[in-house]
All heavy atoms as atom14 arrays in JSON, in Angstrom:
{
  "sequence": "IAQARRLGHHLANRVTEVHSHVAPEVELRLLNDLQRRWHEADLNVR",
  "atom14_mask": [
    [1, 1, 1, 1, 1, 1, 1, 1, 0, 0, 0, 0, 0, 0],
    [1, 1, 1, 1, 1, 0, 0, 0, 0, 0, 0, 0, 0, 0],
    [1, 1, 1, 1, 1, 1, 1, 1, 1, 0, 0, 0, 0, 0],
    [1, 1, 1, 1, 1, 0, 0, 0, 0, 0, 0, 0, 0, 0],
    [1, 1, 1, 1, 1, 1, 1, 1, 1, 1, 1, 0, 0, 0],
    [1, 1, 1, 1, 1, 1, 1, 1, 1, 1, 1, 0, 0, 0],
    [1, 1, 1, 1, 1, 1, 1, 1, 0, 0, 0, 0, 0, 0],
    [1, 1, 1, 1, 0, 0, 0, 0, 0, 0, 0, 0, 0, 0],
    [1, 1, 1, 1, 1, 1, 1, 1, 1, 1, 0, 0, 0, 0],
    [1, 1, 1, 1, 1, 1, 1, 1, 1, 1, 0, 0, 0, 0],
    [1, 1, 1, 1, 1, 1, 1, 1, 0, 0, 0, 0, 0, 0],
    [1, 1, 1, 1, 1, 0, 0, 0, 0, 0, 0, 0, 0, 0],
    [1, 1, 1, 1, 1, 1, 1, 1, 0, 0, 0, 0, 0, 0],
    [1, 1, 1, 1, 1, 1, 1, 1, 1, 1, 1, 0, 0, 0],
    [1, 1, 1, 1, 1, 1, 1, 0, 0, 0, 0, 0, 0, 0],
    [1, 1, 1, 1, 1, 1, 1, 0, 0, 0, 0, 0, 0, 0],
    [1, 1, 1, 1, 1, 1, 1, 1, 1, 0, 0, 0, 0, 0],
    [1, 1, 1, 1, 1, 1, 1, 0, 0, 0, 0, 0, 0, 0],
    [1, 1, 1, 1, 1, 1, 1, 1, 1, 1, 0, 0, 0, 0],
    [1, 1, 1, 1, 1, 1, 0, 0, 0, 0, 0, 0, 0, 0],
    [1, 1, 1, 1, 1, 1, 1, 1, 1, 1, 0, 0, 0, 0],
    [1, 1, 1, 1, 1, 1, 1, 0, 0, 0, 0, 0, 0, 0],
    [1, 1, 1, 1, 1, 0, 0, 0, 0, 0, 0, 0, 0, 0],
    [1, 1, 1, 1, 1, 1, 1, 0, 0, 0, 0, 0, 0, 0],
    [1, 1, 1, 1, 1, 1, 1, 1, 1, 0, 0, 0, 0, 0],
    [1, 1, 1, 1, 1, 1, 1, 0, 0, 0, 0, 0, 0, 0],
    [1, 1, 1, 1, 1, 1, 1, 1, 1, 0, 0, 0, 0, 0],
    [1, 1, 1, 1, 1, 1, 1, 1, 0, 0, 0, 0, 0, 0],
    [1, 1, 1, 1, 1, 1, 1, 1, 1, 1, 1, 0, 0, 0],
    [1, 1, 1, 1, 1, 1, 1, 1, 0, 0, 0, 0, 0, 0],
    [1, 1, 1, 1, 1, 1, 1, 1, 0, 0, 0, 0, 0, 0],
    [1, 1, 1, 1, 1, 1, 1, 1, 0, 0, 0, 0, 0, 0],
    [1, 1, 1, 1, 1, 1, 1, 1, 0, 0, 0, 0, 0, 0],
    [1, 1, 1, 1, 1, 1, 1, 1, 0, 0, 0, 0, 0, 0],
    [1, 1, 1, 1, 1, 1, 1, 1, 1, 0, 0, 0, 0, 0],
    [1, 1, 1, 1, 1, 1, 1, 1, 1, 1, 1, 0, 0, 0],
    [1, 1, 1, 1, 1, 1, 1, 1, 1, 1, 1, 0, 0, 0],
    [1, 1, 1, 1, 1, 1, 1, 1, 1, 1, 1, 1, 1, 1],
    [1, 1, 1, 1, 1, 1, 1, 1, 1, 1, 0, 0, 0, 0],
    [1, 1, 1, 1, 1, 1, 1, 1, 1, 0, 0, 0, 0, 0],
    [1, 1, 1, 1, 1, 0, 0, 0, 0, 0, 0, 0, 0, 0],
    [1, 1, 1, 1, 1, 1, 1, 1, 0, 0, 0, 0, 0, 0],
    [1, 1, 1, 1, 1, 1, 1, 1, 0, 0, 0, 0, 0, 0],
    [1, 1, 1, 1, 1, 1, 1, 1, 0, 0, 0, 0, 0, 0],
    [1, 1, 1, 1, 1, 1, 1, 0, 0, 0, 0, 0, 0, 0],
    [1, 1, 1, 1, 1, 1, 1, 1, 1, 1, 1, 0, 0, 0]
  ],
  "atom14_positions": [
    [[-6.44, -1.93, -4.76], [-7.12, -2.42, -3.56], [-6.24, -2.23, -2.32], [-6.73, -1.89, -1.24], [-7.59, -3.89, -3.72], [-8.49, -4.31, -2.55], [-6.42, -4.84, -3.85], [-9.83, -3.64, -2.54], [0.0, 0.0, 0.0], [0.0, 0.0, 0.0], [0.0, 0.0, 0.0], [0.0, 0.0, 0.0], [0.0, 0.0, 0.0], [0.0, 0.0, 0.0]],
    [[-4.92, -2.41, -2.46], [-4.01, -2.22, -1.34], [-3.95, -0.75, -0.95], [-3.92, -0.41, 0.24], [-2.61, -2.75, -1.68], [0.0, 0.0, 0.0], [0.0, 0.0, 0.0], [0.0, 0.0, 0.0], [0.0, 0.0, 0.0], [0.0, 0.0, 0.0], [0.0, 0.0, 0.0], [0.0, 0.0, 0.0], [0.0, 0.0, 0.0], [0.0, 0.0, 0.0]],
    [[-3.95, 0.13, -1.94], [-3.96, 1.57, -1.67], [-5.22, 1.95, -0.9], [-5.17, 2.67, 0.09], [-3.9, 2.36, -2.98], [-2.62, 2.17, -3.77], [-2.71, 2.86, -5.1], [-3.28, 3.95, -5.23], [-2.12, 2.25, -6.12], [0.0, 0.0, 0.0], [0.0, 0.0, 0.0], [0.0, 0.0, 0.0], [0.0, 0.0, 0.0], [0.0, 0.0, 0.0]],
    [[-6.36, 1.46, -1.38], [-7.64, 1.79, -0.74], [-7.68, 1.28, 0.69], [-8.14, 2.0, 1.59], [-8.79, 1.19, -1.54], [0.0, 0.0, 0.0], [0.0, 0.0, 0.0], [0.0, 0.0, 0.0], [0.0, 0.0, 0.0], [0.0, 0.0, 0.0], [0.0, 0.0, 0.0], [0.0, 0.0, 0.0], [0.0, 0.0, 0.0], [0.0, 0.0, 0.0]],
    [[-7.23, 0.07, 0.93], [-7.23, -0.5, 2.28], [-6.37, 0.34, 3.24], [-6.76, 0.62, 4.35], [-6.73, -1.94, 2.28], [-7.62, -2.91, 1.55], [-8.84, -3.28, 2.4], [-9.56, -4.38, 1.79], [-10.62, -4.23, 1.01], [-11.07, -3.04, 0.74], [-11.24, -5.28, 0.52], [0.0, 0.0, 0.0], [0.0, 0.0, 0.0], [0.0, 0.0, 0.0]],
    [[-5.18, 0.75, 2.79], [-4.26, 1.5, 3.64], [-4.8, 2.89, 3.97], [-4.56, 3.41, 5.05], [-2.89, 1.62, 3.0], [-2.14, 0.3, 2.98], [-0.73, 0.44, 2.54], [0.06, 1.26, 3.43], [0.64, 0.82, 4.55], [0.49, -0.42, 4.93], [1.36, 1.64, 5.28], [0.0, 0.0, 0.0], [0.0, 0.0, 0.0], [0.0, 0.0, 0.0]],
    [[-5.52, 3.51, 3.02], [-6.01, 4.87, 3.22], [-7.44, 4.92, 3.74], [-7.97, 6.0, 3.98], [-5.88, 5.66, 1.91], [-4.43, 5.88, 1.46], [-4.4, 6.4, 0.03], [-3.72, 6.84, 2.39], [0.0, 0.0, 0.0], [0.0, 0.0, 0.0], [0.0, 0.0, 0.0], [0.0, 0.0, 0.0], [0.0, 0.0, 0.0], [0.0, 0.0, 0.0]],
    [[-8.09, 3.77, 3.87], [-9.47, 3.75, 4.35], [-10.47, 4.21, 3.31], [-11.54, 4.71, 3.66], [0.0, 0.0, 0.0], [0.0, 0.0, 0.0], [0.0, 0.0, 0.0], [0.0, 0.0, 0.0], [0.0, 0.0, 0.0], [0.0, 0.0, 0.0], [0.0, 0.0, 0.0], [0.0, 0.0, 0.0], [0.0, 0.0, 0.0], [0.0, 0.0, 0.0]],
    [[-10.12, 4.05, 2.05], [-11.01, 4.45, 0.96], [-11.85, 3.26, 0.48], [-11.51, 2.12, 0.75], [-10.2, 4.96, -0.24], [-9.47, 6.23, 0.04], [-8.52, 6.73, -0.8], [-9.55, 7.12, 1.06], [-8.04, 7.85, -0.33], [-8.65, 8.12, 0.81], [0.0, 0.0, 0.0], [0.0, 0.0, 0.0], [0.0, 0.0, 0.0], [0.0, 0.0, 0.0]],
    [[-12.9, 3.58, -0.23], [-13.73, 2.56, -0.88], [-13.52, 2.67, -2.38], [-13.32, 3.76, -2.91], [-15.22, 2.75, -0.54], [-15.51, 2.5, 0.89], [-15.57, 1.24, 1.43], [-15.76, 3.36, 1.91], [-15.84, 1.33, 2.71], [-15.96, 2.6, 3.03], [0.0, 0.0, 0.0], [0.0, 0.0, 0.0], [0.0, 0.0, 0.0], [0.0, 0.0, 0.0]],
    [[-13.58, 1.55, -3.06], [-13.44, 1.54, -4.51], [-14.81, 1.73, -5.16], [-15.83, 1.31, -4.6], [-12.82, 0.23, -4.99], [-11.42, -0.08, -4.48], [-10.95, -1.44, -4.97], [-10.44, 1.0, -4.92], [0.0, 0.0, 0.0], [0.0, 0.0, 0.0], [0.0, 0.0, 0.0], [0.0, 0.0, 0.0], [0.0, 0.0, 0.0], [0.0, 0.0, 0.0]],
    [[-14.81, 2.34, -6.33], [-16.06, 2.54, -7.06], [-16.65, 1.21, -7.49], [-17.87, 1.03, -7.51], [-15.82, 3.43, -8.27], [0.0, 0.0, 0.0], [0.0, 0.0, 0.0], [0.0, 0.0, 0.0], [0.0, 0.0, 0.0], [0.0, 0.0, 0.0], [0.0, 0.0, 0.0], [0.0, 0.0, 0.0], [0.0, 0.0, 0.0], [0.0, 0.0, 0.0]],
    [[-15.8, 0.24, -7.82], [-16.24, -1.07, -8.24], [-16.46, -1.94, -7.0], [-15.52, -2.48, -6.42], [-15.21, -1.71, -9.17], [-15.67, -3.03, -9.72], [-16.51, -3.72, -9.13], [-15.11, -3.42, -10.85], [0.0, 0.0, 0.0], [0.0, 0.0, 0.0], [0.0, 0.0, 0.0], [0.0, 0.0, 0.0], [0.0, 0.0, 0.0], [0.0, 0.0, 0.0]],
    [[-17.7, -2.08, -6.57], [-18.03, -2.81, -5.34], [-17.63, -4.28, -5.42], [-17.21, -4.86, -4.44], [-19.54, -2.67, -5.08], [-19.99, -3.22, -3.78], [-19.64, -2.26, -2.64], [-20.2, -2.82, -1.43], [-19.53, -3.01, -0.32], [-18.28, -2.64, -0.25], [-20.09, -3.52, 0.73], [0.0, 0.0, 0.0], [0.0, 0.0, 0.0], [0.0, 0.0, 0.0]],
    [[-17.74, -4.89, -6.59], [-17.37, -6.3, -6.76], [-15.88, -6.48, -6.48], [-15.46, -7.38, -5.75], [-17.75, -6.82, -8.17], [-17.19, -8.21, -8.39], [-19.26, -6.79, -8.35], [0.0, 0.0, 0.0], [0.0, 0.0, 0.0], [0.0, 0.0, 0.0], [0.0, 0.0, 0.0], [0.0, 0.0, 0.0], [0.0, 0.0, 0.0], [0.0, 0.0, 0.0]],
    [[-15.07, -5.6, -7.05], [-13.62, -5.66, -6.83], [-13.32, -5.46, -5.35], [-12.49, -6.17, -4.77], [-12.89, -4.59, -7.67], [-13.15, -4.84, -9.04], [-11.4, -4.6, -7.41], [0.0, 0.0, 0.0], [0.0, 0.0, 0.0], [0.0, 0.0, 0.0], [0.0, 0.0, 0.0], [0.0, 0.0, 0.0], [0.0, 0.0, 0.0], [0.0, 0.0, 0.0]],
    [[-13.98, -4.5, -4.72], [-13.71, -4.21, -3.31], [-14.07, -5.41, -2.42], [-13.32, -5.76, -1.52], [-14.48, -2.97, -2.87], [-14.16, -2.59, -1.44], [-14.75, -1.25, -1.05], [-15.65, -0.75, -1.75], [-14.31, -0.73, -0.04], [0.0, 0.0, 0.0], [0.0, 0.0, 0.0], [0.0, 0.0, 0.0], [0.0, 0.0, 0.0], [0.0, 0.0, 0.0]],
    [[-15.2, -6.03, -2.66], [-15.66, -7.14, -1.83], [-14.84, -8.4, -2.05], [-14.51, -9.11, -1.11], [-17.16, -7.42, -2.08], [-17.6, -8.71, -1.41], [-18.01, -6.25, -1.6], [0.0, 0.0, 0.0], [0.0, 0.0, 0.0], [0.0, 0.0, 0.0], [0.0, 0.0, 0.0], [0.0, 0.0, 0.0], [0.0, 0.0, 0.0], [0.0, 0.0, 0.0]],
    [[-14.48, -8.68, -3.3], [-13.85, -9.96, -3.62], [-12.33, -9.9, -3.76], [-11.7, -10.92, -4.02], [-14.48, -10.54, -4.89], [-15.93, -10.84, -4.71], [-16.37, -11.89, -3.95], [-17.04, -10.2, -5.16], [-17.7, -11.9, -3.95], [-18.13, -10.88, -4.67], [0.0, 0.0, 0.0], [0.0, 0.0, 0.0], [0.0, 0.0, 0.0], [0.0, 0.0, 0.0]],
    [[-11.73, -8.72, -3.59], [-10.28, -8.61, -3.67], [-9.69, -8.5, -2.27], [-10.26, -7.86, -1.39], [-9.88, -7.37, -4.47], [-10.32, -7.48, -5.79], [0.0, 0.0, 0.0], [0.0, 0.0, 0.0], [0.0, 0.0, 0.0], [0.0, 0.0, 0.0], [0.0, 0.0, 0.0], [0.0, 0.0, 0.0], [0.0, 0.0, 0.0], [0.0, 0.0, 0.0]],
    [[-8.55, -9.12, -2.1], [-7.86, -9.08, -0.81], [-6.39, -8.79, -1.08], [-5.88, -9.08, -2.16], [-8.03, -10.39, -0.07], [-9.47, -10.75, 0.14], [-10.24, -10.18, 1.12], [-10.29, -11.57, -0.55], [-11.48, -10.66, 1.04], [-11.53, -11.51, 0.03], [0.0, 0.0, 0.0], [0.0, 0.0, 0.0], [0.0, 0.0, 0.0], [0.0, 0.0, 0.0]],
    [[-5.72, -8.25, -0.09], [-4.3, -7.95, -0.21], [-3.53, -9.12, 0.41], [-3.6, -9.34, 1.61], [-3.95, -6.62, 0.49], [-2.48, -6.31, 0.31], [-4.82, -5.49, -0.06], [0.0, 0.0, 0.0], [0.0, 0.0, 0.0], [0.0, 0.0, 0.0], [0.0, 0.0, 0.0], [0.0, 0.0, 0.0], [0.0, 0.0, 0.0], [0.0, 0.0, 0.0]],
    [[-2.82, -9.86, -0.44], [-2.05, -11.01, 0.02], [-0.89, -10.54, 0.9], [-0.37, -9.43, 0.71], [-1.51, -11.79, -1.17], [0.0, 0.0, 0.0], [0.0, 0.0, 0.0], [0.0, 0.0, 0.0], [0.0, 0.0, 0.0], [0.0, 0.0, 0.0], [0.0, 0.0, 0.0], [0.0, 0.0, 0.0], [0.0, 0.0, 0.0], [0.0, 0.0, 0.0]],
    [[-0.5, -11.36, 1.89], [0.59, -10.97, 2.78], [1.88, -10.59, 2.05], [2.56, -9.65, 2.44], [0.81, -12.21, 3.65], [-0.5, -12.92, 3.62], [-1.08, -12.65, 2.26], [0.0, 0.0, 0.0], [0.0, 0.0, 0.0], [0.0, 0.0, 0.0], [0.0, 0.0, 0.0], [0.0, 0.0, 0.0], [0.0, 0.0, 0.0], [0.0, 0.0, 0.0]],
    [[2.2, -11.29, 0.96], [3.43, -10.95, 0.24], [3.33, -9.6, -0.46], [4.32, -8.88, -0.62], [3.84, -12.05, -0.75], [2.84, -12.34, -1.84], [1.83, -13.43, -1.49], [1.63, -13.73, -0.3], [1.22, -13.96, -2.43], [0.0, 0.0, 0.0], [0.0, 0.0, 0.0], [0.0, 0.0, 0.0], [0.0, 0.0, 0.0], [0.0, 0.0, 0.0]],
    [[2.12, -9.21, -0.86], [1.92, -7.89, -1.46], [2.1, -6.82, -0.39], [2.76, -5.81, -0.61], [0.52, -7.77, -2.13], [0.24, -6.34, -2.56], [0.42, -8.72, -3.3], [0.0, 0.0, 0.0], [0.0, 0.0, 0.0], [0.0, 0.0, 0.0], [0.0, 0.0, 0.0], [0.0, 0.0, 0.0], [0.0, 0.0, 0.0], [0.0, 0.0, 0.0]],
    [[1.53, -7.04, 0.77], [1.67, -6.1, 1.89], [3.13, -5.96, 2.3], [3.61, -4.85, 2.53], [0.81, -6.55, 3.07], [0.8, -5.59, 4.24], [0.05, -4.29, 3.98], [-0.79, -4.23, 3.07], [0.33, -3.32, 4.71], [0.0, 0.0, 0.0], [0.0, 0.0, 0.0], [0.0, 0.0, 0.0], [0.0, 0.0, 0.0], [0.0, 0.0, 0.0]],
    [[3.85, -7.05, 2.36], [5.27, -7.01, 2.74], [6.08, -6.24, 1.69], [6.92, -5.4, 2.03], [5.82, -8.43, 2.91], [7.26, -8.52, 3.35], [7.47, -7.85, 4.71], [7.69, -9.98, 3.42], [0.0, 0.0, 0.0], [0.0, 0.0, 0.0], [0.0, 0.0, 0.0], [0.0, 0.0, 0.0], [0.0, 0.0, 0.0], [0.0, 0.0, 0.0]],
    [[5.83, -6.49, 0.42], [6.53, -5.78, -0.65], [6.22, -4.28, -0.59], [7.1, -3.44, -0.71], [6.12, -6.37, -2.0], [6.95, -5.85, -3.17], [6.67, -6.6, -4.46], [5.29, -6.45, -4.89], [4.43, -7.46, -5.06], [4.81, -8.71, -4.85], [3.2, -7.23, -5.46], [0.0, 0.0, 0.0], [0.0, 0.0, 0.0], [0.0, 0.0, 0.0]],
    [[4.97, -3.96, -0.33], [4.53, -2.57, -0.22], [5.24, -1.89, 0.96], [5.78, -0.79, 0.83], [3.01, -2.59, -0.02], [2.24, -1.32, 0.14], [0.81, -1.58, -0.32], [2.2, -0.86, 1.57], [0.0, 0.0, 0.0], [0.0, 0.0, 0.0], [0.0, 0.0, 0.0], [0.0, 0.0, 0.0], [0.0, 0.0, 0.0], [0.0, 0.0, 0.0]],
    [[5.27, -2.55, 2.12], [5.92, -1.98, 3.3], [7.42, -1.8, 3.09], [7.99, -0.78, 3.48], [5.67, -2.87, 4.52], [4.23, -2.88, 5.04], [4.07, -3.94, 6.12], [3.83, -1.52, 5.55], [0.0, 0.0, 0.0], [0.0, 0.0, 0.0], [0.0, 0.0, 0.0], [0.0, 0.0, 0.0], [0.0, 0.0, 0.0], [0.0, 0.0, 0.0]],
    [[8.07, -2.78, 2.47], [9.5, -2.65, 2.19], [9.78, -1.48, 1.26], [10.75, -0.74, 1.46], [10.05, -3.95, 1.6], [10.19, -5.04, 2.64], [10.32, -4.77, 3.83], [10.14, -6.28, 2.19], [0.0, 0.0, 0.0], [0.0, 0.0, 0.0], [0.0, 0.0, 0.0], [0.0, 0.0, 0.0], [0.0, 0.0, 0.0], [0.0, 0.0, 0.0]],
    [[8.93, -1.3, 0.24], [9.12, -0.19, -0.69], [8.91, 1.14, 0.02], [9.69, 2.08, -0.18], [8.16, -0.32, -1.87], [8.38, 0.78, -2.9], [9.48, 0.82, -3.48], [7.46, 1.6, -3.1], [0.0, 0.0, 0.0], [0.0, 0.0, 0.0], [0.0, 0.0, 0.0], [0.0, 0.0, 0.0], [0.0, 0.0, 0.0], [0.0, 0.0, 0.0]],
    [[7.87, 1.26, 0.86], [7.63, 2.5, 1.59], [8.79, 2.82, 2.53], [9.23, 3.97, 2.63], [6.32, 2.41, 2.39], [5.04, 2.46, 1.57], [3.84, 2.16, 2.46], [4.87, 3.8, 0.87], [0.0, 0.0, 0.0], [0.0, 0.0, 0.0], [0.0, 0.0, 0.0], [0.0, 0.0, 0.0], [0.0, 0.0, 0.0], [0.0, 0.0, 0.0]],
    [[9.32, 1.79, 3.2], [10.43, 2.02, 4.11], [11.68, 2.48, 3.34], [12.37, 3.4, 3.77], [10.75, 0.75, 4.89], [11.8, 0.97, 5.95], [11.96, -0.23, 6.86], [11.65, -1.35, 6.48], [12.43, 0.01, 8.07], [0.0, 0.0, 0.0], [0.0, 0.0, 0.0], [0.0, 0.0, 0.0], [0.0, 0.0, 0.0], [0.0, 0.0, 0.0]],
    [[11.94, 1.87, 2.2], [13.08, 2.28, 1.37], [12.92, 3.73, 0.94], [13.86, 4.53, 1.04], [13.18, 1.38, 0.14], [14.33, 1.76, -0.81], [14.29, 0.96, -2.1], [13.05, 1.11, -2.85], [12.75, 2.17, -3.6], [13.59, 3.19, -3.7], [11.61, 2.22, -4.26], [0.0, 0.0, 0.0], [0.0, 0.0, 0.0], [0.0, 0.0, 0.0]],
    [[11.72, 4.09, 0.48], [11.48, 5.46, 0.04], [11.65, 6.45, 1.19], [12.19, 7.54, 1.01], [10.09, 5.6, -0.58], [9.97, 4.91, -1.91], [8.52, 4.93, -2.43], [8.4, 4.14, -3.62], [8.78, 4.56, -4.82], [9.29, 5.76, -4.98], [8.65, 3.77, -5.87], [0.0, 0.0, 0.0], [0.0, 0.0, 0.0], [0.0, 0.0, 0.0]],
    [[11.18, 6.09, 2.38], [11.31, 6.95, 3.55], [12.78, 7.19, 3.88], [13.21, 8.32, 4.09], [10.59, 6.33, 4.75], [10.8, 7.14, 5.99], [11.67, 6.89, 7.0], [10.11, 8.34, 6.35], [11.58, 7.86, 7.96], [10.62, 8.76, 7.58], [9.11, 9.09, 5.73], [10.18, 9.91, 8.23], [8.67, 10.23, 6.38], [9.2, 10.63, 7.61]],
    [[13.58, 6.12, 3.89], [15.01, 6.25, 4.2], [15.72, 7.08, 3.14], [16.58, 7.91, 3.48], [15.66, 4.88, 4.36], [15.28, 4.21, 5.63], [15.58, 4.72, 6.87], [14.62, 3.06, 5.85], [15.11, 3.92, 7.81], [14.52, 2.9, 7.22], [0.0, 0.0, 0.0], [0.0, 0.0, 0.0], [0.0, 0.0, 0.0], [0.0, 0.0, 0.0]],
    [[15.39, 6.89, 1.87], [16.02, 7.68, 0.8], [15.65, 9.16, 0.96], [16.5, 10.03, 0.79], [15.59, 7.17, -0.57], [16.25, 5.88, -0.95], [15.75, 5.33, -2.29], [14.94, 6.01, -2.96], [16.17, 4.22, -2.65], [0.0, 0.0, 0.0], [0.0, 0.0, 0.0], [0.0, 0.0, 0.0], [0.0, 0.0, 0.0], [0.0, 0.0, 0.0]],
    [[14.41, 9.44, 1.26], [13.97, 10.83, 1.45], [14.67, 11.43, 2.66], [15.12, 12.58, 2.62], [12.45, 10.89, 1.62], [0.0, 0.0, 0.0], [0.0, 0.0, 0.0], [0.0, 0.0, 0.0], [0.0, 0.0, 0.0], [0.0, 0.0, 0.0], [0.0, 0.0, 0.0], [0.0, 0.0, 0.0], [0.0, 0.0, 0.0], [0.0, 0.0, 0.0]],
    [[14.78, 10.67, 3.74], [15.44, 11.16, 4.94], [16.91, 11.45, 4.66], [17.43, 12.49, 5.07], [15.3, 10.12, 6.06], [15.88, 10.62, 7.37], [15.59, 11.78, 7.75], [16.64, 9.86, 8.01], [0.0, 0.0, 0.0], [0.0, 0.0, 0.0], [0.0, 0.0, 0.0], [0.0, 0.0, 0.0], [0.0, 0.0, 0.0], [0.0, 0.0, 0.0]],
    [[17.59, 10.56, 3.97], [19.0, 10.79, 3.64], [19.16, 12.01, 2.74], [20.09, 12.8, 2.91], [19.6, 9.56, 2.95], [19.79, 8.34, 3.83], [20.22, 7.14, 2.98], [20.8, 8.61, 4.93], [0.0, 0.0, 0.0], [0.0, 0.0, 0.0], [0.0, 0.0, 0.0], [0.0, 0.0, 0.0], [0.0, 0.0, 0.0], [0.0, 0.0, 0.0]],
    [[18.22, 12.2, 1.8], [18.27, 13.35, 0.91], [18.08, 14.65, 1.69], [18.77, 15.63, 1.44], [17.21, 13.21, -0.19], [17.36, 14.28, -1.25], [18.46, 14.66, -1.61], [16.23, 14.76, -1.74], [0.0, 0.0, 0.0], [0.0, 0.0, 0.0], [0.0, 0.0, 0.0], [0.0, 0.0, 0.0], [0.0, 0.0, 0.0], [0.0, 0.0, 0.0]],
    [[17.14, 14.65, 2.64], [16.89, 15.86, 3.45], [18.11, 16.16, 4.31], [18.52, 17.3, 4.45], [15.63, 15.68, 4.32], [15.54, 16.78, 5.37], [14.39, 15.69, 3.44], [0.0, 0.0, 0.0], [0.0, 0.0, 0.0], [0.0, 0.0, 0.0], [0.0, 0.0, 0.0], [0.0, 0.0, 0.0], [0.0, 0.0, 0.0], [0.0, 0.0, 0.0]],
    [[18.73, 15.13, 4.88], [19.91, 15.35, 5.72], [21.08, 15.87, 4.9], [21.86, 16.68, 5.36], [20.29, 14.07, 6.44], [19.31, 13.68, 7.52], [19.67, 12.32, 8.1], [18.62, 11.79, 8.92], [18.55, 11.96, 10.24], [19.48, 12.64, 10.86], [17.56, 11.44, 10.91], [0.0, 0.0, 0.0], [0.0, 0.0, 0.0], [0.0, 0.0, 0.0]]
  ]
}
């Protein structure tokens, strides 16, 4: 559900899409992981 929300996609399971939400702590964990991956990729490219 977090992937779908970030990419603007819809889920095939309409019940899951309507009744699922991304909790703030999930979003924060996701953002921290993406930032870590970005920095690691940048350091690797450099």
